[in-house]
Amino acid sequence: MSTPPWRRQAACKGLDPSIFYPADDEDECLDAKAVCAQCPVVDLCLEHALGVREKVGIWGGCTERERRRIIRQRRRTA
């Protein structure tokens, strides 16, 4: 699978990926969320993660739990 073009503009590009895969502790995801908060492609990243159902990591500034919540909300309003 090729890398989506938006990833070249991502704020996380070149950073240690381990910060985006913290343990379940909410405090441990704050560093990743801070990077995402300044990212110019955060919305594209989140939509990608929702579309492929990413199970782990911080994507688009959201944890797996937050992404599941978004999917449920979208299903209810569809």
PDB file of N, CA and C in Angstrom:
ATOM      1  N   MET A   1       0.846  -1.184   0.000  1.00  0.00           N
ATOM      2  CA  MET A   1       0.000   0.000   0.000  1.00  0.00           C
ATOM      3  C   MET A   1       0.885   1.239   0.000  1.00  0.00           C
ATOM      4  N   SER A   2       0.608   2.180  -0.867  1.00  0.00           N
ATOM      5  CA  SER A   2       1.440   3.373  -0.960  1.00  0.00           C
ATOM      6  C   SER A   2       1.066   4.383   0.115  1.00  0.00           C
ATOM      7  N   THR A   3       2.005   5.255   0.386  1.00  0.00           N
ATOM      8  CA  THR A   3       1.800   6.296   1.388  1.00  0.00           C
ATOM      9  C   THR A   3       0.896   7.379   0.819  1.00  0.00           C
ATOM     10  N   PRO A   4      -0.157   7.757   1.564  1.00  0.00           N
ATOM     11  CA  PRO A   4      -1.031   8.830   1.081  1.00  0.00           C
ATOM     12  C   PRO A   4      -0.243  10.140   0.947  1.00  0.00           C
ATOM     13  N   PRO A   5      -0.538  10.949  -0.076  1.00  0.00           N
ATOM     14  CA  PRO A   5       0.216  12.188  -0.296  1.00  0.00           C
ATOM     15  C   PRO A   5       0.166  13.157   0.887  1.00  0.00           C
ATOM     16  N   TRP A   6      -0.929  13.189   1.619  1.00  0.00           N
ATOM     17  CA  TRP A   6      -1.041  14.125   2.743  1.00  0.00           C
ATOM     18  C   TRP A   6      -0.015  13.852   3.830  1.00  0.00           C
ATOM     19  N   ARG A   7       0.484  12.632   3.901  1.00  0.00           N
ATOM     20  CA  ARG A   7       1.449  12.287   4.955  1.00  0.00           C
ATOM     21  C   ARG A   7       2.757  13.067   4.832  1.00  0.00           C
ATOM     22  N   ARG A   8       3.069  13.518   3.631  1.00  0.00           N
ATOM     23  CA  ARG A   8       4.294  14.306   3.452  1.00  0.00           C
ATOM     24  C   ARG A   8       4.213  15.644   4.173  1.00  0.00           C
ATOM     25  N   GLN A   9       3.002  16.106   4.456  1.00  0.00           N
ATOM     26  CA  GLN A   9       2.800  17.390   5.134  1.00  0.00           C
ATOM     27  C   GLN A   9       2.517  17.228   6.624  1.00  0.00           C
ATOM     28  N   ALA A  10       2.461  16.012   7.109  1.00  0.00           N
ATOM     29  CA  ALA A  10       2.081  15.747   8.494  1.00  0.00           C
ATOM     30  C   ALA A  10       3.125  16.254   9.487  1.00  0.00           C
ATOM     31  N   ALA A  11       2.648  16.795  10.588  1.00  0.00           N
ATOM     32  CA  ALA A  11       3.528  17.299  11.643  1.00  0.00           C
ATOM     33  C   ALA A  11       4.338  16.175  12.284  1.00  0.00           C
ATOM     34  N   CYS A  12       3.841  14.946  12.197  1.00  0.00           N
ATOM     35  CA  CYS A  12       4.532  13.811  12.813  1.00  0.00           C
ATOM     36  C   CYS A  12       5.645  13.254  11.941  1.00  0.00           C
ATOM     37  N   LYS A  13       5.747  13.717  10.713  1.00  0.00           N
ATOM     38  CA  LYS A  13       6.753  13.191   9.790  1.00  0.00           C
ATOM     39  C   LYS A  13       8.145  13.337  10.400  1.00  0.00           C
ATOM     40  N   GLY A  14       8.839  12.222  10.480  1.00  0.00           N
ATOM     41  CA  GLY A  14      10.203  12.226  11.001  1.00  0.00           C
ATOM     42  C   GLY A  14      10.304  12.088  12.513  1.00  0.00           C
ATOM     43  N   LEU A  15       9.184  12.130  13.217  1.00  0.00           N
ATOM     44  CA  LEU A  15       9.221  11.975  14.669  1.00  0.00           C
ATOM     45  C   LEU A  15       9.253  10.498  15.045  1.00  0.00           C
ATOM     46  N   ASP A  16       9.653  10.232  16.250  1.00  0.00           N
ATOM     47  CA  ASP A  16       9.665   8.863  16.771  1.00  0.00           C
ATOM     48  C   ASP A  16       8.229   8.358  16.840  1.00  0.00           C
ATOM     49  N   PRO A  17       7.892   7.329  16.080  1.00  0.00           N
ATOM     50  CA  PRO A  17       6.512   6.842  16.058  1.00  0.00           C
ATOM     51  C   PRO A  17       6.013   6.336  17.409  1.00  0.00           C
ATOM     52  N   SER A  18       6.910   5.995  18.307  1.00  0.00           N
ATOM     53  CA  SER A  18       6.475   5.419  19.581  1.00  0.00           C
ATOM     54  C   SER A  18       5.602   6.389  20.387  1.00  0.00           C
ATOM     55  N   ILE A  19       5.751   7.692  20.192  1.00  0.00           N
ATOM     56  CA  ILE A  19       4.898   8.609  20.951  1.00  0.00           C
ATOM     57  C   ILE A  19       3.438   8.517  20.510  1.00  0.00           C
ATOM     58  N   PHE A  20       3.204   7.976  19.322  1.00  0.00           N
ATOM     59  CA  PHE A  20       1.837   7.854  18.818  1.00  0.00           C
ATOM     60  C   PHE A  20       1.214   6.499  19.163  1.00  0.00           C
ATOM     61  N   TYR A  21       1.950   5.682  19.903  1.00  0.00           N
ATOM     62  CA  TYR A  21       1.465   4.371  20.330  1.00  0.00           C
ATOM     63  C   TYR A  21       1.697   4.205  21.825  1.00  0.00           C
ATOM     64  N   PRO A  22       1.082   5.073  22.637  1.00  0.00           N
ATOM     65  CA  PRO A  22       1.272   4.997  24.087  1.00  0.00           C
ATOM     66  C   PRO A  22       0.482   3.838  24.698  1.00  0.00           C
ATOM     67  N   ALA A  23       0.777   3.555  25.964  1.00  0.00           N
ATOM     68  CA  ALA A  23      -0.035   2.587  26.708  1.00  0.00           C
ATOM     69  C   ALA A  23      -1.436   3.192  26.874  1.00  0.00           C
ATOM     70  N   ASP A  24      -2.312   2.494  27.501  1.00  0.00           N
ATOM     71  CA  ASP A  24      -3.697   2.944  27.627  1.00  0.00           C
ATOM     72  C   ASP A  24      -3.877   4.206  28.463  1.00  0.00           C
ATOM     73  N   ASP A  25      -2.871   4.605  29.199  1.00  0.00           N
ATOM     74  CA  ASP A  25      -2.984   5.767  30.064  1.00  0.00           C
ATOM     75  C   ASP A  25      -3.234   7.040  29.255  1.00  0.00           C
ATOM     76  N   GLU A  26      -4.278   7.754  29.600  1.00  0.00           N
ATOM     77  CA  GLU A  26      -4.646   8.975  28.869  1.00  0.00           C
ATOM     78  C   GLU A  26      -3.542  10.026  28.908  1.00  0.00           C
ATOM     79  N   ASP A  27      -2.812  10.123  30.009  1.00  0.00           N
ATOM     80  CA  ASP A  27      -1.737  11.110  30.118  1.00  0.00           C
ATOM     81  C   ASP A  27      -0.623  10.854  29.118  1.00  0.00           C
ATOM     82  N   GLU A  28      -0.413   9.599  28.771  1.00  0.00           N
ATOM     83  CA  GLU A  28       0.674   9.248  27.858  1.00  0.00           C
ATOM     84  C   GLU A  28       0.389   9.653  26.416  1.00  0.00           C
ATOM     85  N   CYS A  29      -0.835   9.964  26.094  1.00  0.00           N
ATOM     86  CA  CYS A  29      -1.152  10.347  24.719  1.00  0.00           C
ATOM     87  C   CYS A  29      -1.079  11.864  24.514  1.00  0.00           C
ATOM     88  N   LEU A  30      -0.795  12.610  25.567  1.00  0.00           N
ATOM     89  CA  LEU A  30      -0.802  14.067  25.460  1.00  0.00           C
ATOM     90  C   LEU A  30       0.268  14.600  24.513  1.00  0.00           C
ATOM     91  N   ASP A  31       1.448  13.978  24.500  1.00  0.00           N
ATOM     92  CA  ASP A  31       2.506  14.431  23.588  1.00  0.00           C
ATOM     93  C   ASP A  31       2.076  14.261  22.135  1.00  0.00           C
ATOM     94  N   ALA A  32       1.501  13.111  21.830  1.00  0.00           N
ATOM     95  CA  ALA A  32       1.044  12.864  20.460  1.00  0.00           C
ATOM     96  C   ALA A  32      -0.075  13.834  20.091  1.00  0.00           C
ATOM     97  N   LYS A  33      -1.002  14.046  20.998  1.00  0.00           N
ATOM     98  CA  LYS A  33      -2.117  14.953  20.720  1.00  0.00           C
ATOM     99  C   LYS A  33      -1.628  16.389  20.519  1.00  0.00           C
ATOM    100  N   ALA A  34      -0.555  16.767  21.207  1.00  0.00           N
ATOM    101  CA  ALA A  34       0.020  18.101  21.027  1.00  0.00           C
ATOM    102  C   ALA A  34       0.590  18.257  19.616  1.00  0.00           C
ATOM    103  N   VAL A  35       1.227  17.222  19.106  1.00  0.00           N
ATOM    104  CA  VAL A  35       1.745  17.250  17.734  1.00  0.00           C
ATOM    105  C   VAL A  35       0.569  17.358  16.762  1.00  0.00           C
ATOM    106  N   CYS A  36      -0.441  16.551  16.968  1.00  0.00           N
ATOM    107  CA  CYS A  36      -1.615  16.555  16.085  1.00  0.00           C
ATOM    108  C   CYS A  36      -2.325  17.914  16.094  1.00  0.00           C
ATOM    109  N   ALA A  37      -2.336  18.571  17.235  1.00  0.00           N
ATOM    110  CA  ALA A  37      -3.026  19.857  17.357  1.00  0.00           C
ATOM    111  C   ALA A  37      -2.434  20.924  16.443  1.00  0.00           C
ATOM    112  N   GLN A  38      -1.170  20.782  16.090  1.00  0.00           N
ATOM    113  CA  GLN A  38      -0.530  21.765  15.208  1.00  0.00           C
ATOM    114  C   GLN A  38      -0.366  21.255  13.774  1.00  0.00           C
ATOM    115  N   CYS A  39      -0.931  20.114  13.484  1.00  0.00           N
ATOM    116  CA  CYS A  39      -0.745  19.477  12.181  1.00  0.00           C
ATOM    117  C   CYS A  39      -1.702  20.040  11.128  1.00  0.00           C
ATOM    118  N   PRO A  40      -1.179  20.380   9.945  1.00  0.00           N
ATOM    119  CA  PRO A  40      -2.031  20.927   8.888  1.00  0.00           C
ATOM    120  C   PRO A  40      -2.925  19.882   8.212  1.00  0.00           C
ATOM    121  N   VAL A  41      -2.653  18.596   8.442  1.00  0.00           N
ATOM    122  CA  VAL A  41      -3.447  17.549   7.790  1.00  0.00           C
ATOM    123  C   VAL A  41      -4.150  16.651   8.807  1.00  0.00           C
ATOM    124  N   VAL A  42      -4.393  17.174   9.995  1.00  0.00           N
ATOM    125  CA  VAL A  42      -5.002  16.369  11.063  1.00  0.00           C
ATOM    126  C   VAL A  42      -6.350  15.790  10.642  1.00  0.00           C
ATOM    127  N   ASP A  43      -7.149  16.541   9.911  1.00  0.00           N
ATOM    128  CA  ASP A  43      -8.465  16.051   9.493  1.00  0.00           C
ATOM    129  C   ASP A  43      -8.345  14.896   8.495  1.00  0.00           C
ATOM    130  N   LEU A  44      -7.412  15.005   7.573  1.00  0.00           N
ATOM    131  CA  LEU A  44      -7.188  13.917   6.613  1.00  0.00           C
ATOM    132  C   LEU A  44      -6.683  12.662   7.317  1.00  0.00           C
ATOM    133  N   CYS A  45      -5.834  12.855   8.291  1.00  0.00           N
ATOM    134  CA  CYS A  45      -5.298  11.734   9.057  1.00  0.00           C
ATOM    135  C   CYS A  45      -6.423  11.027   9.815  1.00  0.00           C
ATOM    136  N   LEU A  46      -7.273  11.803  10.460  1.00  0.00           N
ATOM    137  CA  LEU A  46      -8.388  11.210  11.192  1.00  0.00           C
ATOM    138  C   LEU A  46      -9.321  10.457  10.254  1.00  0.00           C
ATOM    139  N   GLU A  47      -9.647  11.052   9.119  1.00  0.00           N
ATOM    140  CA  GLU A  47     -10.534  10.373   8.168  1.00  0.00           C
ATOM    141  C   GLU A  47      -9.924   9.083   7.648  1.00  0.00           C
ATOM    142  N   HIS A  48      -8.616   9.100   7.438  1.00  0.00           N
ATOM    143  CA  HIS A  48      -7.916   7.876   7.027  1.00  0.00           C
ATOM    144  C   HIS A  48      -8.078   6.802   8.102  1.00  0.00           C
ATOM    145  N   ALA A  49      -7.801   7.164   9.349  1.00  0.00           N
ATOM    146  CA  ALA A  49      -7.884   6.202  10.448  1.00  0.00           C
ATOM    147  C   ALA A  49      -9.297   5.659  10.612  1.00  0.00           C
ATOM    148  N   LEU A  50     -10.287   6.508  10.445  1.00  0.00           N
ATOM    149  CA  LEU A  50     -11.674   6.063  10.546  1.00  0.00           C
ATOM    150  C   LEU A  50     -12.025   5.141   9.389  1.00  0.00           C
ATOM    151  N   GLY A  51     -11.542   5.477   8.212  1.00  0.00           N
ATOM    152  CA  GLY A  51     -11.854   4.701   7.021  1.00  0.00           C
ATOM    153  C   GLY A  51     -11.262   3.309   7.017  1.00  0.00           C
ATOM    154  N   VAL A  52     -10.052   3.170   7.542  1.00  0.00           N
ATOM    155  CA  VAL A  52      -9.404   1.857   7.560  1.00  0.00           C
ATOM    156  C   VAL A  52      -9.534   1.182   8.920  1.00  0.00           C
ATOM    157  N   ARG A  53     -10.244   1.825   9.822  1.00  0.00           N
ATOM    158  CA  ARG A  53     -10.495   1.287  11.174  1.00  0.00           C
ATOM    159  C   ARG A  53      -9.191   0.966  11.915  1.00  0.00           C
ATOM    160  N   GLU A  54      -8.308   1.972  11.977  1.00  0.00           N
ATOM    161  CA  GLU A  54      -7.063   1.797  12.729  1.00  0.00           C
ATOM    162  C   GLU A  54      -7.409   1.399  14.161  1.00  0.00           C
ATOM    163  N   LYS A  55      -6.793   0.352  14.636  1.00  0.00           N
ATOM    164  CA  LYS A  55      -7.112  -0.176  15.964  1.00  0.00           C
ATOM    165  C   LYS A  55      -6.209   0.363  17.065  1.00  0.00           C
ATOM    166  N   VAL A  56      -5.026   0.818  16.715  1.00  0.00           N
ATOM    167  CA  VAL A  56      -4.082   1.270  17.741  1.00  0.00           C
ATOM    168  C   VAL A  56      -3.495   2.613  17.362  1.00  0.00           C
ATOM    169  N   GLY A  57      -3.019   3.309  18.353  1.00  0.00           N
ATOM    170  CA  GLY A  57      -2.300   4.554  18.123  1.00  0.00           C
ATOM    171  C   GLY A  57      -3.178   5.789  18.107  1.00  0.00           C
ATOM    172  N   ILE A  58      -2.488   6.917  18.089  1.00  0.00           N
ATOM    173  CA  ILE A  58      -3.137   8.220  17.994  1.00  0.00           C
ATOM    174  C   ILE A  58      -3.124   8.600  16.517  1.00  0.00           C
ATOM    175  N   TRP A  59      -4.285   8.815  15.972  1.00  0.00           N
ATOM    176  CA  TRP A  59      -4.438   9.197  14.562  1.00  0.00           C
ATOM    177  C   TRP A  59      -5.373  10.392  14.508  1.00  0.00           C
ATOM    178  N   GLY A  60      -4.969  11.434  13.818  1.00  0.00           N
ATOM    179  CA  GLY A  60      -5.834  12.600  13.706  1.00  0.00           C
ATOM    180  C   GLY A  60      -6.169  13.211  15.053  1.00  0.00           C
ATOM    181  N   GLY A  61      -5.268  13.048  16.001  1.00  0.00           N
ATOM    182  CA  GLY A  61      -5.473  13.610  17.330  1.00  0.00           C
ATOM    183  C   GLY A  61      -6.422  12.818  18.208  1.00  0.00           C
ATOM    184  N   CYS A  62      -6.787  11.619  17.791  1.00  0.00           N
ATOM    185  CA  CYS A  62      -7.755  10.816  18.543  1.00  0.00           C
ATOM    186  C   CYS A  62      -7.197   9.450  18.908  1.00  0.00           C
ATOM    187  N   THR A  63      -7.570   8.993  20.087  1.00  0.00           N
ATOM    188  CA  THR A  63      -7.234   7.645  20.516  1.00  0.00           C
ATOM    189  C   THR A  63      -8.189   6.660  19.853  1.00  0.00           C
ATOM    190  N   GLU A  64      -7.911   5.378  20.011  1.00  0.00           N
ATOM    191  CA  GLU A  64      -8.810   4.362  19.457  1.00  0.00           C
ATOM    192  C   GLU A  64     -10.209   4.515  20.037  1.00  0.00           C
ATOM    193  N   ARG A  65     -10.313   4.746  21.326  1.00  0.00           N
ATOM    194  CA  ARG A  65     -11.617   4.912  21.976  1.00  0.00           C
ATOM    195  C   ARG A  65     -12.370   6.102  21.381  1.00  0.00           C
ATOM    196  N   GLU A  66     -11.660   7.207  21.186  1.00  0.00           N
ATOM    197  CA  GLU A  66     -12.298   8.397  20.608  1.00  0.00           C
ATOM    198  C   GLU A  66     -12.752   8.147  19.176  1.00  0.00           C
ATOM    199  N   ARG A  67     -11.945   7.409  18.419  1.00  0.00           N
ATOM    200  CA  ARG A  67     -12.338   7.093  17.045  1.00  0.00           C
ATOM    201  C   ARG A  67     -13.571   6.199  17.004  1.00  0.00           C
ATOM    202  N   ARG A  68     -13.644   5.222  17.905  1.00  0.00           N
ATOM    203  CA  ARG A  68     -14.843   4.376  17.976  1.00  0.00           C
ATOM    204  C   ARG A  68     -16.078   5.207  18.288  1.00  0.00           C
ATOM    205  N   ARG A  69     -15.931   6.175  19.177  1.00  0.00           N
ATOM    206  CA  ARG A  69     -17.047   7.064  19.528  1.00  0.00           C
ATOM    207  C   ARG A  69     -17.505   7.860  18.307  1.00  0.00           C
ATOM    208  N   ILE A  70     -16.562   8.360  17.533  1.00  0.00           N
ATOM    209  CA  ILE A  70     -16.900   9.121  16.322  1.00  0.00           C
ATOM    210  C   ILE A  70     -17.665   8.238  15.342  1.00  0.00           C
ATOM    211  N   ILE A  71     -17.195   7.009  15.158  1.00  0.00           N
ATOM    212  CA  ILE A  71     -17.873   6.088  14.240  1.00  0.00           C
ATOM    213  C   ILE A  71     -19.292   5.821  14.699  1.00  0.00           C
ATOM    214  N   ARG A  72     -19.477   5.580  16.005  1.00  0.00           N
ATOM    215  CA  ARG A  72     -20.846   5.348  16.520  1.00  0.00           C
ATOM    216  C   ARG A  72     -21.736   6.552  16.312  1.00  0.00           C
ATOM    217  N   GLN A  73     -21.182   7.745  16.568  1.00  0.00           N
ATOM    218  CA  GLN A  73     -21.991   8.968  16.383  1.00  0.00           C
ATOM    219  C   GLN A  73     -22.383   9.148  14.925  1.00  0.00           C
ATOM    220  N   ARG A  74     -21.465   8.866  14.029  1.00  0.00           N
ATOM    221  CA  ARG A  74     -21.766   8.997  12.597  1.00  0.00           C
ATOM    222  C   ARG A  74     -22.830   8.002  12.160  1.00  0.00           C
ATOM    223  N   ARG A  75     -22.780   6.800  12.709  1.00  0.00           N
ATOM    224  CA  ARG A  75     -23.796   5.805  12.367  1.00  0.00           C
ATOM    225  C   ARG A  75     -25.173   6.257  12.824  1.00  0.00           C
ATOM    226  N   ARG A  76     -25.246   6.853  14.009  1.00  0.00           N
ATOM    227  CA  ARG A  76     -26.538   7.316  14.537  1.00  0.00           C
ATOM    228  C   ARG A  76     -27.135   8.432  13.710  1.00  0.00           C
ATOM    229  N   THR A  77     -26.275   9.293  13.152  1.00  0.00           N
ATOM    230  CA  THR A  77     -26.786  10.445  12.394  1.00  0.00           C
ATOM    231  C   THR A  77     -26.948  10.145  10.911  1.00  0.00           C
ATOM    232  N   ALA A  78     -26.496   8.990  10.478  1.00  0.00           N
ATOM    233  CA  ALA A  78     -26.594   8.637   9.052  1.00  0.00           C
ATOM    234  C   ALA A  78     -28.007   8.245   8.661  1.00  0.00           C
TER     235      ALA A  78
END
